Amino acid sequence: MLKTLVIVIIAYVSLYGYSDEKIEELCMQLKIIPASKAIVQWERVFSSDTRMKRYAIDKLELDVQNALKLYLIEHAADSSQPMVPGL
């Protein structure tokens, strides 16, 4: 739990501009793979406090959550630009 909190704090401090690279770094720190879920599934994650806690998204500020949600939806498995590790 403490490790997750430290990661979230470090991620927040480094996310000043919300560029794709910084959001991508946040995904790596939180161990979130955008293409692991479809668009609808990511929307469900962000609509539930319980699901957001599972990924430690609930500890991020609202504007960071919104930027992360947009990034995950843009790179979801069924999007036009899925983001898959190693490709």
PDB file of N, CA and C in Angstrom:
ATOM      1  N   MET A   1       0.825  -1.187   0.000  1.00  0.00           N
ATOM      2  CA  MET A   1       0.000   0.000   0.000  1.00  0.00           C
ATOM      3  C   MET A   1       0.869   1.251   0.000  1.00  0.00           C
ATOM      4  N   LEU A   2       1.889   1.261   0.852  1.00  0.00           N
ATOM      5  CA  LEU A   2       2.788   2.408   0.915  1.00  0.00           C
ATOM      6  C   LEU A   2       3.558   2.562  -0.392  1.00  0.00           C
ATOM      7  N   LYS A   3       3.956   1.434  -0.976  1.00  0.00           N
ATOM      8  CA  LYS A   3       4.680   1.468  -2.248  1.00  0.00           C
ATOM      9  C   LYS A   3       3.805   2.087  -3.338  1.00  0.00           C
ATOM     10  N   THR A   4       2.538   1.714  -3.378  1.00  0.00           N
ATOM     11  CA  THR A   4       1.608   2.260  -4.358  1.00  0.00           C
ATOM     12  C   THR A   4       1.448   3.755  -4.149  1.00  0.00           C
ATOM     13  N   LEU A   5       1.334   4.183  -2.920  1.00  0.00           N
ATOM     14  CA  LEU A   5       1.172   5.605  -2.621  1.00  0.00           C
ATOM     15  C   LEU A   5       2.400   6.391  -3.058  1.00  0.00           C
ATOM     16  N   VAL A   6       3.585   5.865  -2.817  1.00  0.00           N
ATOM     17  CA  VAL A   6       4.818   6.526  -3.235  1.00  0.00           C
ATOM     18  C   VAL A   6       4.876   6.625  -4.753  1.00  0.00           C
ATOM     19  N   ILE A   7       4.500   5.562  -5.443  1.00  0.00           N
ATOM     20  CA  ILE A   7       4.494   5.573  -6.908  1.00  0.00           C
ATOM     21  C   ILE A   7       3.523   6.624  -7.425  1.00  0.00           C
ATOM     22  N   VAL A   8       2.360   6.697  -6.817  1.00  0.00           N
ATOM     23  CA  VAL A   8       1.355   7.668  -7.247  1.00  0.00           C
ATOM     24  C   VAL A   8       1.851   9.090  -7.023  1.00  0.00           C
ATOM     25  N   ILE A   9       2.484   9.343  -5.905  1.00  0.00           N
ATOM     26  CA  ILE A   9       3.006  10.684  -5.621  1.00  0.00           C
ATOM     27  C   ILE A   9       4.107  11.051  -6.610  1.00  0.00           C
ATOM     28  N   ILE A  10       5.015  10.139  -6.858  1.00  0.00           N
ATOM     29  CA  ILE A  10       6.077  10.390  -7.837  1.00  0.00           C
ATOM     30  C   ILE A  10       5.484  10.625  -9.216  1.00  0.00           C
ATOM     31  N   ALA A  11       4.506   9.836  -9.581  1.00  0.00           N
ATOM     32  CA  ALA A  11       3.860   9.988 -10.879  1.00  0.00           C
ATOM     33  C   ALA A  11       3.176  11.335 -10.987  1.00  0.00           C
ATOM     34  N   TYR A  12       2.515  11.763  -9.929  1.00  0.00           N
ATOM     35  CA  TYR A  12       1.816  13.039  -9.949  1.00  0.00           C
ATOM     36  C   TYR A  12       2.795  14.198 -10.114  1.00  0.00           C
ATOM     37  N   VAL A  13       3.891  14.143  -9.383  1.00  0.00           N
ATOM     38  CA  VAL A  13       4.875  15.221  -9.450  1.00  0.00           C
ATOM     39  C   VAL A  13       5.481  15.306 -10.844  1.00  0.00           C
ATOM     40  N   SER A  14       5.670  14.186 -11.508  1.00  0.00           N
ATOM     41  CA  SER A  14       6.287  14.186 -12.836  1.00  0.00           C
ATOM     42  C   SER A  14       5.294  14.437 -13.966  1.00  0.00           C
ATOM     43  N   LEU A  15       4.014  14.573 -13.667  1.00  0.00           N
ATOM     44  CA  LEU A  15       2.988  14.736 -14.704  1.00  0.00           C
ATOM     45  C   LEU A  15       2.581  16.186 -14.936  1.00  0.00           C
ATOM     46  N   TYR A  16       3.497  17.088 -14.959  1.00  0.00           N
ATOM     47  CA  TYR A  16       3.139  18.494 -15.041  1.00  0.00           C
ATOM     48  C   TYR A  16       2.402  18.837 -16.323  1.00  0.00           C
ATOM     49  N   GLY A  17       2.844  18.375 -17.486  1.00  0.00           N
ATOM     50  CA  GLY A  17       2.244  18.776 -18.753  1.00  0.00           C
ATOM     51  C   GLY A  17       1.205  17.822 -19.305  1.00  0.00           C
ATOM     52  N   TYR A  18       1.047  16.667 -18.746  1.00  0.00           N
ATOM     53  CA  TYR A  18       0.103  15.649 -19.206  1.00  0.00           C
ATOM     54  C   TYR A  18       0.339  15.245 -20.660  1.00  0.00           C
ATOM     55  N   SER A  19       1.561  15.276 -21.114  1.00  0.00           N
ATOM     56  CA  SER A  19       1.845  14.823 -22.469  1.00  0.00           C
ATOM     57  C   SER A  19       1.669  13.311 -22.523  1.00  0.00           C
ATOM     58  N   ASP A  20       1.557  12.784 -23.736  1.00  0.00           N
ATOM     59  CA  ASP A  20       1.388  11.338 -23.884  1.00  0.00           C
ATOM     60  C   ASP A  20       2.540  10.573 -23.239  1.00  0.00           C
ATOM     61  N   GLU A  21       3.761  11.124 -23.335  1.00  0.00           N
ATOM     62  CA  GLU A  21       4.904  10.430 -22.732  1.00  0.00           C
ATOM     63  C   GLU A  21       4.751  10.347 -21.218  1.00  0.00           C
ATOM     64  N   LYS A  22       4.273  11.421 -20.611  1.00  0.00           N
ATOM     65  CA  LYS A  22       4.126  11.424 -19.153  1.00  0.00           C
ATOM     66  C   LYS A  22       2.977  10.520 -18.709  1.00  0.00           C
ATOM     67  N   ILE A  23       1.907  10.526 -19.471  1.00  0.00           N
ATOM     68  CA  ILE A  23       0.797   9.621 -19.148  1.00  0.00           C
ATOM     69  C   ILE A  23       1.239   8.173 -19.361  1.00  0.00           C
ATOM     70  N   GLU A  24       2.037   7.942 -20.400  1.00  0.00           N
ATOM     71  CA  GLU A  24       2.558   6.595 -20.648  1.00  0.00           C
ATOM     72  C   GLU A  24       3.447   6.142 -19.482  1.00  0.00           C
ATOM     73  N   GLU A  25       4.269   7.059 -18.957  1.00  0.00           N
ATOM     74  CA  GLU A  25       5.097   6.741 -17.791  1.00  0.00           C
ATOM     75  C   GLU A  25       4.220   6.393 -16.586  1.00  0.00           C
ATOM     76  N   LEU A  26       3.149   7.151 -16.405  1.00  0.00           N
ATOM     77  CA  LEU A  26       2.232   6.872 -15.303  1.00  0.00           C
ATOM     78  C   LEU A  26       1.625   5.485 -15.452  1.00  0.00           C
ATOM     79  N   CYS A  27       1.240   5.136 -16.681  1.00  0.00           N
ATOM     80  CA  CYS A  27       0.688   3.794 -16.927  1.00  0.00           C
ATOM     81  C   CYS A  27       1.703   2.719 -16.551  1.00  0.00           C
ATOM     82  N   MET A  28       2.961   2.935 -16.909  1.00  0.00           N
ATOM     83  CA  MET A  28       3.985   1.951 -16.570  1.00  0.00           C
ATOM     84  C   MET A  28       4.173   1.866 -15.055  1.00  0.00           C
ATOM     85  N   GLN A  29       4.162   3.001 -14.365  1.00  0.00           N
ATOM     86  CA  GLN A  29       4.341   2.998 -12.917  1.00  0.00           C
ATOM     87  C   GLN A  29       3.170   2.313 -12.216  1.00  0.00           C
ATOM     88  N   LEU A  30       1.966   2.510 -12.754  1.00  0.00           N
ATOM     89  CA  LEU A  30       0.783   1.889 -12.162  1.00  0.00           C
ATOM     90  C   LEU A  30       0.529   0.481 -12.714  1.00  0.00           C
ATOM     91  N   LYS A  31       1.385   0.058 -13.647  1.00  0.00           N
ATOM     92  CA  LYS A  31       1.268  -1.257 -14.299  1.00  0.00           C
ATOM     93  C   LYS A  31      -0.076  -1.418 -15.011  1.00  0.00           C
ATOM     94  N   ILE A  32      -0.453  -0.374 -15.754  1.00  0.00           N
ATOM     95  CA  ILE A  32      -1.689  -0.367 -16.535  1.00  0.00           C
ATOM     96  C   ILE A  32      -1.321  -0.452 -18.003  1.00  0.00           C
ATOM     97  N   ILE A  33      -1.891  -1.428 -18.695  1.00  0.00           N
ATOM     98  CA  ILE A  33      -1.671  -1.587 -20.132  1.00  0.00           C
ATOM     99  C   ILE A  33      -2.943  -1.135 -20.843  1.00  0.00           C
ATOM    100  N   PRO A  34      -2.873  -0.041 -21.615  1.00  0.00           N
ATOM    101  CA  PRO A  34      -4.077   0.488 -22.253  1.00  0.00           C
ATOM    102  C   PRO A  34      -4.827  -0.534 -23.100  1.00  0.00           C
ATOM    103  N   ALA A  35      -4.107  -1.363 -23.839  1.00  0.00           N
ATOM    104  CA  ALA A  35      -4.749  -2.322 -24.736  1.00  0.00           C
ATOM    105  C   ALA A  35      -5.230  -3.579 -24.014  1.00  0.00           C
ATOM    106  N   SER A  36      -5.138  -3.608 -22.698  1.00  0.00           N
ATOM    107  CA  SER A  36      -5.619  -4.775 -21.964  1.00  0.00           C
ATOM    108  C   SER A  36      -7.135  -4.769 -21.808  1.00  0.00           C
ATOM    109  N   LYS A  37      -7.760  -3.649 -22.126  1.00  0.00           N
ATOM    110  CA  LYS A  37      -9.216  -3.531 -22.004  1.00  0.00           C
ATOM    111  C   LYS A  37      -9.773  -2.781 -23.214  1.00  0.00           C
ATOM    112  N   ALA A  38     -11.050  -3.017 -23.471  1.00  0.00           N
ATOM    113  CA  ALA A  38     -11.764  -2.279 -24.512  1.00  0.00           C
ATOM    114  C   ALA A  38     -12.198  -0.926 -23.951  1.00  0.00           C
ATOM    115  N   ILE A  39     -12.647  -0.043 -24.824  1.00  0.00           N
ATOM    116  CA  ILE A  39     -13.076   1.300 -24.419  1.00  0.00           C
ATOM    117  C   ILE A  39     -14.139   1.238 -23.325  1.00  0.00           C
ATOM    118  N   VAL A  40     -15.144   0.399 -23.521  1.00  0.00           N
ATOM    119  CA  VAL A  40     -16.238   0.292 -22.546  1.00  0.00           C
ATOM    120  C   VAL A  40     -15.709  -0.166 -21.188  1.00  0.00           C
ATOM    121  N   GLN A  41     -14.747  -1.065 -21.199  1.00  0.00           N
ATOM    122  CA  GLN A  41     -14.193  -1.558 -19.941  1.00  0.00           C
ATOM    123  C   GLN A  41     -13.436  -0.453 -19.200  1.00  0.00           C
ATOM    124  N   TRP A  42     -12.675   0.386 -19.921  1.00  0.00           N
ATOM    125  CA  TRP A  42     -11.979   1.497 -19.266  1.00  0.00           C
ATOM    126  C   TRP A  42     -12.976   2.496 -18.708  1.00  0.00           C
ATOM    127  N   GLU A  43     -14.064   2.727 -19.424  1.00  0.00           N
ATOM    128  CA  GLU A  43     -15.097   3.636 -18.917  1.00  0.00           C
ATOM    129  C   GLU A  43     -15.711   3.087 -17.630  1.00  0.00           C
ATOM    130  N   ARG A  44     -15.879   1.765 -17.561  1.00  0.00           N
ATOM    131  CA  ARG A  44     -16.381   1.139 -16.331  1.00  0.00           C
ATOM    132  C   ARG A  44     -15.407   1.304 -15.174  1.00  0.00           C
ATOM    133  N   VAL A  45     -14.121   1.173 -15.452  1.00  0.00           N
ATOM    134  CA  VAL A  45     -13.106   1.337 -14.405  1.00  0.00           C
ATOM    135  C   VAL A  45     -13.228   2.728 -13.789  1.00  0.00           C
ATOM    136  N   PHE A  46     -13.377   3.739 -14.639  1.00  0.00           N
ATOM    137  CA  PHE A  46     -13.425   5.113 -14.134  1.00  0.00           C
ATOM    138  C   PHE A  46     -14.785   5.487 -13.542  1.00  0.00           C
ATOM    139  N   SER A  47     -15.785   4.657 -13.732  1.00  0.00           N
ATOM    140  CA  SER A  47     -17.103   4.955 -13.170  1.00  0.00           C
ATOM    141  C   SER A  47     -17.313   4.321 -11.790  1.00  0.00           C
ATOM    142  N   SER A  48     -16.352   3.531 -11.349  1.00  0.00           N
ATOM    143  CA  SER A  48     -16.496   2.813 -10.077  1.00  0.00           C
ATOM    144  C   SER A  48     -15.310   3.101  -9.161  1.00  0.00           C
ATOM    145  N   ASP A  49     -15.592   3.558  -7.947  1.00  0.00           N
ATOM    146  CA  ASP A  49     -14.529   3.812  -6.975  1.00  0.00           C
ATOM    147  C   ASP A  49     -13.744   2.546  -6.650  1.00  0.00           C
ATOM    148  N   THR A  50     -14.446   1.431  -6.551  1.00  0.00           N
ATOM    149  CA  THR A  50     -13.787   0.157  -6.247  1.00  0.00           C
ATOM    150  C   THR A  50     -12.801  -0.225  -7.343  1.00  0.00           C
ATOM    151  N   ARG A  51     -13.226  -0.086  -8.586  1.00  0.00           N
ATOM    152  CA  ARG A  51     -12.334  -0.434  -9.706  1.00  0.00           C
ATOM    153  C   ARG A  51     -11.173   0.540  -9.804  1.00  0.00           C
ATOM    154  N   MET A  52     -11.418   1.820  -9.510  1.00  0.00           N
ATOM    155  CA  MET A  52     -10.329   2.799  -9.548  1.00  0.00           C
ATOM    156  C   MET A  52      -9.307   2.502  -8.453  1.00  0.00           C
ATOM    157  N   LYS A  53      -9.752   2.036  -7.292  1.00  0.00           N
ATOM    158  CA  LYS A  53      -8.835   1.676  -6.213  1.00  0.00           C
ATOM    159  C   LYS A  53      -7.949   0.507  -6.611  1.00  0.00           C
ATOM    160  N   ARG A  54      -8.502  -0.420  -7.392  1.00  0.00           N
ATOM    161  CA  ARG A  54      -7.744  -1.595  -7.825  1.00  0.00           C
ATOM    162  C   ARG A  54      -6.487  -1.185  -8.603  1.00  0.00           C
ATOM    163  N   TYR A  55      -6.584  -0.088  -9.352  1.00  0.00           N
ATOM    164  CA  TYR A  55      -5.451   0.395 -10.150  1.00  0.00           C
ATOM    165  C   TYR A  55      -4.755   1.594  -9.510  1.00  0.00           C
ATOM    166  N   ALA A  56      -5.155   2.002  -8.310  1.00  0.00           N
ATOM    167  CA  ALA A  56      -4.615   3.156  -7.580  1.00  0.00           C
ATOM    168  C   ALA A  56      -4.891   4.466  -8.307  1.00  0.00           C
ATOM    169  N   ILE A  57      -5.891   4.491  -9.158  1.00  0.00           N
ATOM    170  CA  ILE A  57      -6.262   5.703  -9.889  1.00  0.00           C
ATOM    171  C   ILE A  57      -6.976   6.680  -8.964  1.00  0.00           C
ATOM    172  N   ASP A  58      -7.637   6.167  -7.947  1.00  0.00           N
ATOM    173  CA  ASP A  58      -8.399   7.011  -7.028  1.00  0.00           C
ATOM    174  C   ASP A  58      -7.519   7.985  -6.248  1.00  0.00           C
ATOM    175  N   LYS A  59      -6.220   7.720  -6.148  1.00  0.00           N
ATOM    176  CA  LYS A  59      -5.310   8.584  -5.413  1.00  0.00           C
ATOM    177  C   LYS A  59      -4.820   9.764  -6.251  1.00  0.00           C
ATOM    178  N   LEU A  60      -5.061   9.732  -7.547  1.00  0.00           N
ATOM    179  CA  LEU A  60      -4.642  10.813  -8.440  1.00  0.00           C
ATOM    180  C   LEU A  60      -5.650  11.956  -8.389  1.00  0.00           C
ATOM    181  N   GLU A  61      -5.186  13.156  -8.692  1.00  0.00           N
ATOM    182  CA  GLU A  61      -6.096  14.297  -8.753  1.00  0.00           C
ATOM    183  C   GLU A  61      -7.025  14.143  -9.949  1.00  0.00           C
ATOM    184  N   LEU A  62      -8.137  14.841  -9.908  1.00  0.00           N
ATOM    185  CA  LEU A  62      -9.176  14.703 -10.922  1.00  0.00           C
ATOM    186  C   LEU A  62      -8.667  15.016 -12.323  1.00  0.00           C
ATOM    187  N   ASP A  63      -7.869  16.065 -12.484  1.00  0.00           N
ATOM    188  CA  ASP A  63      -7.379  16.393 -13.818  1.00  0.00           C
ATOM    189  C   ASP A  63      -6.418  15.335 -14.360  1.00  0.00           C
ATOM    190  N   VAL A  64      -5.641  14.711 -13.472  1.00  0.00           N
ATOM    191  CA  VAL A  64      -4.751  13.621 -13.882  1.00  0.00           C
ATOM    192  C   VAL A  64      -5.587  12.394 -14.237  1.00  0.00           C
ATOM    193  N   GLN A  65      -6.633  12.127 -13.454  1.00  0.00           N
ATOM    194  CA  GLN A  65      -7.535  11.016 -13.766  1.00  0.00           C
ATOM    195  C   GLN A  65      -8.165  11.205 -15.139  1.00  0.00           C
ATOM    196  N   ASN A  66      -8.603  12.422 -15.438  1.00  0.00           N
ATOM    197  CA  ASN A  66      -9.232  12.691 -16.733  1.00  0.00           C
ATOM    198  C   ASN A  66      -8.251  12.513 -17.885  1.00  0.00           C
ATOM    199  N   ALA A  67      -7.017  12.989 -17.702  1.00  0.00           N
ATOM    200  CA  ALA A  67      -5.994  12.818 -18.737  1.00  0.00           C
ATOM    201  C   ALA A  67      -5.673  11.336 -18.939  1.00  0.00           C
ATOM    202  N   LEU A  68      -5.582  10.597 -17.837  1.00  0.00           N
ATOM    203  CA  LEU A  68      -5.311   9.161 -17.914  1.00  0.00           C
ATOM    204  C   LEU A  68      -6.453   8.426 -18.598  1.00  0.00           C
ATOM    205  N   LYS A  69      -7.685   8.777 -18.247  1.00  0.00           N
ATOM    206  CA  LYS A  69      -8.848   8.139 -18.865  1.00  0.00           C
ATOM    207  C   LYS A  69      -8.856   8.366 -20.371  1.00  0.00           C
ATOM    208  N   LEU A  70      -8.604   9.596 -20.789  1.00  0.00           N
ATOM    209  CA  LEU A  70      -8.563   9.912 -22.218  1.00  0.00           C
ATOM    210  C   LEU A  70      -7.481   9.098 -22.927  1.00  0.00           C
ATOM    211  N   TYR A  71      -6.302   9.014 -22.314  1.00  0.00           N
ATOM    212  CA  TYR A  71      -5.199   8.246 -22.895  1.00  0.00           C
ATOM    213  C   TYR A  71      -5.556   6.762 -23.010  1.00  0.00           C
ATOM    214  N   LEU A  72      -6.131   6.203 -21.944  1.00  0.00           N
ATOM    215  CA  LEU A  72      -6.474   4.776 -21.957  1.00  0.00           C
ATOM    216  C   LEU A  72      -7.546   4.467 -22.993  1.00  0.00           C
ATOM    217  N   ILE A  73      -8.512   5.349 -23.148  1.00  0.00           N
ATOM    218  CA  ILE A  73      -9.565   5.141 -24.144  1.00  0.00           C
ATOM    219  C   ILE A  73      -9.009   5.275 -25.553  1.00  0.00           C
ATOM    220  N   GLU A  74      -8.115   6.259 -25.759  1.00  0.00           N
ATOM    221  CA  GLU A  74      -7.515   6.440 -27.088  1.00  0.00           C
ATOM    222  C   GLU A  74      -6.666   5.248 -27.502  1.00  0.00           C
ATOM    223  N   HIS A  75      -6.100   4.534 -26.526  1.00  0.00           N
ATOM    224  CA  HIS A  75      -5.195   3.415 -26.833  1.00  0.00           C
ATOM    225  C   HIS A  75      -5.750   2.064 -26.373  1.00  0.00           C
ATOM    226  N   ALA A  76      -7.064   1.986 -26.183  1.00  0.00           N
ATOM    227  CA  ALA A  76      -7.703   0.734 -25.764  1.00  0.00           C
ATOM    228  C   ALA A  76      -7.602  -0.317 -26.869  1.00  0.00           C
ATOM    229  N   ALA A  77      -7.894  -1.551 -26.511  1.00  0.00           N
ATOM    230  CA  ALA A  77      -7.763  -2.670 -27.450  1.00  0.00           C
ATOM    231  C   ALA A  77      -8.608  -2.491 -28.709  1.00  0.00           C
ATOM    232  N   ASP A  78      -9.794  -1.906 -28.586  1.00  0.00           N
ATOM    233  CA  ASP A  78     -10.666  -1.761 -29.744  1.00  0.00           C
ATOM    234  C   ASP A  78     -10.622  -0.349 -30.346  1.00  0.00           C
ATOM    235  N   SER A  79      -9.610   0.438 -29.987  1.00  0.00           N
ATOM    236  CA  SER A  79      -9.470   1.780 -30.550  1.00  0.00           C
ATOM    237  C   SER A  79      -8.723   1.707 -31.883  1.00  0.00           C
ATOM    238  N   SER A  80      -8.622   2.844 -32.546  1.00  0.00           N
ATOM    239  CA  SER A  80      -7.895   2.869 -33.819  1.00  0.00           C
ATOM    240  C   SER A  80      -6.388   2.860 -33.621  1.00  0.00           C
ATOM    241  N   GLN A  81      -5.916   3.148 -32.404  1.00  0.00           N
ATOM    242  CA  GLN A  81      -4.484   3.143 -32.103  1.00  0.00           C
ATOM    243  C   GLN A  81      -4.199   2.381 -30.808  1.00  0.00           C
ATOM    244  N   PRO A  82      -4.396   1.069 -30.794  1.00  0.00           N
ATOM    245  CA  PRO A  82      -4.139   0.335 -29.541  1.00  0.00           C
ATOM    246  C   PRO A  82      -2.658   0.402 -29.147  1.00  0.00           C
ATOM    247  N   MET A  83      -2.419   0.533 -27.865  1.00  0.00           N
ATOM    248  CA  MET A  83      -1.061   0.625 -27.337  1.00  0.00           C
ATOM    249  C   MET A  83      -0.737  -0.713 -26.670  1.00  0.00           C
ATOM    250  N   VAL A  84       0.112  -1.505 -27.337  1.00  0.00           N
ATOM    251  CA  VAL A  84       0.481  -2.823 -26.837  1.00  0.00           C
ATOM    252  C   VAL A  84       1.969  -2.823 -26.525  1.00  0.00           C
ATOM    253  N   PRO A  85       2.371  -3.296 -25.352  1.00  0.00           N
ATOM    254  CA  PRO A  85       3.792  -3.331 -25.014  1.00  0.00           C
ATOM    255  C   PRO A  85       4.574  -4.156 -26.027  1.00  0.00           C
ATOM    256  N   GLY A  86       5.741  -3.654 -26.385  1.00  0.00           N
ATOM    257  CA  GLY A  86       6.617  -4.385 -27.294  1.00  0.00           C
ATOM    258  C   GLY A  86       6.381  -4.104 -28.763  1.00  0.00           C
ATOM    259  N   LEU A  87       5.393  -3.316 -29.095  1.00  0.00           N
ATOM    260  CA  LEU A  87       5.166  -2.994 -30.512  1.00  0.00           C
ATOM    261  C   LEU A  87       5.566  -1.593 -30.816  1.00  0.00           C
TER     262      LEU A  87
END
